[in-house]
N, C-alpha and C. Protein backbone atom coordinates (compact mmCIF):
# COMPACT_ATOMS: atom_id res chain seq x y z
N UNK A 1 88.16 120.88 107.77
CA UNK A 1 87.38 121.33 108.49
C UNK A 1 88.95 121.98 108.94
N UNK A 2 88.79 122.92 109.64
CA UNK A 2 89.82 123.90 110.51
C UNK A 2 89.71 123.42 111.96
N UNK A 3 90.73 123.02 112.47
CA UNK A 3 90.17 123.36 114.08
C UNK A 3 91.45 123.85 114.59
N UNK A 4 91.78 124.31 116.31
CA UNK A 4 92.67 125.20 116.60
C UNK A 4 93.72 124.02 117.33
N UNK A 5 94.92 124.74 117.57
CA UNK A 5 95.86 123.70 118.77
C UNK A 5 95.22 123.66 119.60
N UNK A 6 94.13 124.36 120.51
CA UNK A 6 93.87 123.97 121.55
C UNK A 6 92.52 123.01 121.63
N UNK A 7 92.44 123.17 120.51
CA UNK A 7 91.19 122.11 120.11
C UNK A 7 91.52 120.19 119.42
N UNK A 8 93.39 119.87 119.63
CA UNK A 8 93.67 119.74 119.05
C UNK A 8 93.26 118.03 119.98
N UNK A 9 93.74 117.95 121.59
CA UNK A 9 93.41 116.88 121.91
C UNK A 9 92.15 116.64 122.47
N UNK A 10 91.08 117.09 122.40
CA UNK A 10 89.72 117.13 122.18
C UNK A 10 89.28 116.09 120.86
N UNK A 11 89.58 117.59 119.76
CA UNK A 11 88.69 117.02 119.09
C UNK A 11 89.52 115.05 118.20
N UNK A 12 90.89 115.09 117.79
CA UNK A 12 91.81 114.14 117.36
C UNK A 12 91.40 112.58 117.85
N UNK A 13 90.92 112.61 119.23
CA UNK A 13 90.48 111.23 119.77
C UNK A 13 88.93 110.77 118.93
N UNK A 14 88.79 111.77 119.38
CA UNK A 14 86.91 111.71 119.17
C UNK A 14 86.89 111.41 117.78
N UNK A 15 87.35 112.25 116.87
CA UNK A 15 87.62 112.14 115.15
C UNK A 15 88.44 110.36 114.79
N UNK A 16 88.47 109.99 116.30
CA UNK A 16 89.98 109.04 115.80
C UNK A 16 88.65 107.48 115.90
N UNK A 17 87.43 108.07 117.12
CA UNK A 17 86.66 106.74 117.44
C UNK A 17 86.02 107.01 116.46
N UNK A 18 85.18 107.80 116.05
CA UNK A 18 84.65 108.62 115.01
C UNK A 18 83.98 108.15 113.73
N UNK A 19 85.51 107.88 113.56
CA UNK A 19 86.24 107.83 111.49
C UNK A 19 85.06 106.64 110.85
N UNK A 20 85.64 105.53 111.84
CA UNK A 20 84.70 104.15 111.20
C UNK A 20 85.98 104.10 110.12
N UNK A 21 85.55 103.74 109.73
CA UNK A 21 86.76 102.75 107.92
C UNK A 21 87.76 103.56 107.61
N UNK A 22 87.17 104.71 107.42
CA UNK A 22 88.09 105.85 106.80
C UNK A 22 89.37 105.93 107.32
N UNK A 23 90.18 106.26 106.72
CA UNK A 23 91.78 106.95 106.95
C UNK A 23 91.50 108.42 106.50
N UNK A 24 92.10 108.81 108.25
CA UNK A 24 92.05 110.48 107.72
C UNK A 24 93.32 110.57 108.15
N UNK A 25 93.86 111.73 107.30
CA UNK A 25 95.43 112.82 107.14
C UNK A 25 94.44 113.24 107.96
N UNK A 26 95.42 113.93 108.87
CA UNK A 26 95.04 115.42 109.70
C UNK A 26 96.93 116.22 109.26
N UNK A 27 96.98 117.67 109.42
CA UNK A 27 97.65 117.98 109.07
C UNK A 27 97.94 119.63 109.35
N UNK A 28 98.98 120.48 109.72
CA UNK A 28 99.08 121.22 110.23
C UNK A 28 98.80 122.11 108.70
N UNK A 29 98.56 123.87 108.66
CA UNK A 29 98.23 124.63 107.33
C UNK A 29 99.29 125.92 107.96
N UNK A 30 100.61 125.53 107.56
CA UNK A 30 101.48 126.76 107.90
C UNK A 30 101.86 127.14 106.35
N UNK A 31 100.64 127.30 105.46
CA UNK A 31 101.19 127.95 104.36
C UNK A 31 101.80 126.70 103.29
N UNK A 32 103.07 126.22 103.81
CA UNK A 32 103.69 125.58 102.67
C UNK A 32 102.70 123.93 102.41
N UNK A 33 102.39 123.68 101.37
CA UNK A 33 100.87 123.33 101.12
C UNK A 33 101.69 121.37 100.72
N UNK A 34 102.64 121.48 100.52
CA UNK A 34 103.79 120.20 99.64
C UNK A 34 104.52 120.25 101.23
N UNK A 35 104.97 120.39 101.80
CA UNK A 35 105.28 120.24 103.68
C UNK A 35 103.77 119.72 105.09
N UNK A 36 102.93 120.66 104.65
CA UNK A 36 101.44 120.08 105.48
C UNK A 36 101.24 118.98 105.22
N UNK A 37 100.99 118.51 104.02
CA UNK A 37 100.79 117.17 102.87
C UNK A 37 101.75 115.78 103.51
N UNK A 38 103.34 116.15 103.82
CA UNK A 38 104.06 115.37 104.48
C UNK A 38 104.39 115.23 105.09
N UNK A 39 105.56 116.46 105.41
CA UNK A 39 106.15 116.33 106.50
C UNK A 39 105.10 116.45 107.81
N UNK A 40 104.66 117.73 107.65
CA UNK A 40 103.80 117.78 108.74
C UNK A 40 101.89 117.34 109.32
N UNK A 41 102.95 115.72 108.74
CA UNK A 41 100.60 115.27 108.09
C UNK A 41 101.14 113.90 109.17
N UNK A 42 99.89 113.52 110.16
CA UNK A 42 99.79 112.64 111.03
C UNK A 42 97.98 111.78 109.85
N UNK A 43 98.33 110.32 110.06
CA UNK A 43 97.26 109.71 109.42
C UNK A 43 96.45 108.80 111.19
N UNK A 44 95.15 109.06 110.71
CA UNK A 44 94.71 108.06 111.19
C UNK A 44 93.97 106.40 110.71
N UNK A 45 94.88 105.88 110.44
CA UNK A 45 94.41 104.07 110.20
C UNK A 45 95.55 104.31 109.42
N UNK A 46 95.07 103.44 108.11
CA UNK A 46 96.53 102.99 107.18
C UNK A 46 96.67 104.33 105.96
N UNK A 47 97.99 104.87 105.66
CA UNK A 47 98.13 106.19 104.83
C UNK A 47 97.52 105.98 103.14
N UNK A 48 97.17 106.92 102.32
CA UNK A 48 96.70 106.22 101.66
C UNK A 48 98.10 107.29 100.92
N UNK A 49 98.53 107.21 99.46
CA UNK A 49 98.96 107.76 98.70
C UNK A 49 98.62 109.08 97.89
N UNK A 50 99.20 109.62 98.53
CA UNK A 50 98.35 110.69 97.83
C UNK A 50 99.04 111.22 96.10
N UNK A 51 98.18 112.37 96.26
CA UNK A 51 98.41 112.63 94.48
C UNK A 51 99.02 114.11 95.40
N UNK A 52 100.54 114.17 94.88
CA UNK A 52 100.60 115.70 95.48
C UNK A 52 101.76 116.41 94.41
N UNK A 53 101.29 116.39 93.03
CA UNK A 53 101.49 117.27 91.63
C UNK A 53 100.98 118.57 91.93
N UNK A 54 100.51 118.74 92.65
CA UNK A 54 99.37 119.46 92.43
C UNK A 54 100.78 120.91 94.00
N UNK A 55 101.30 120.41 94.45
CA UNK A 55 102.36 121.08 95.30
C UNK A 55 103.28 121.42 95.07
N UNK A 56 104.16 120.78 93.69
CA UNK A 56 105.08 121.43 93.44
C UNK A 56 105.63 122.02 92.33
């Protein structure tokens, strides 16, 4: 799901409150998939190990 920077402050707290037991990865969409899923990423709850081979 994509959302804008303007929606971030409303959407992330809502998502965190409604995610239940899920760990959710929130990341930028800069066009650099590896950086977006690592450097520009934020986890709601515990991080899950990602298979990043497709981005290398």
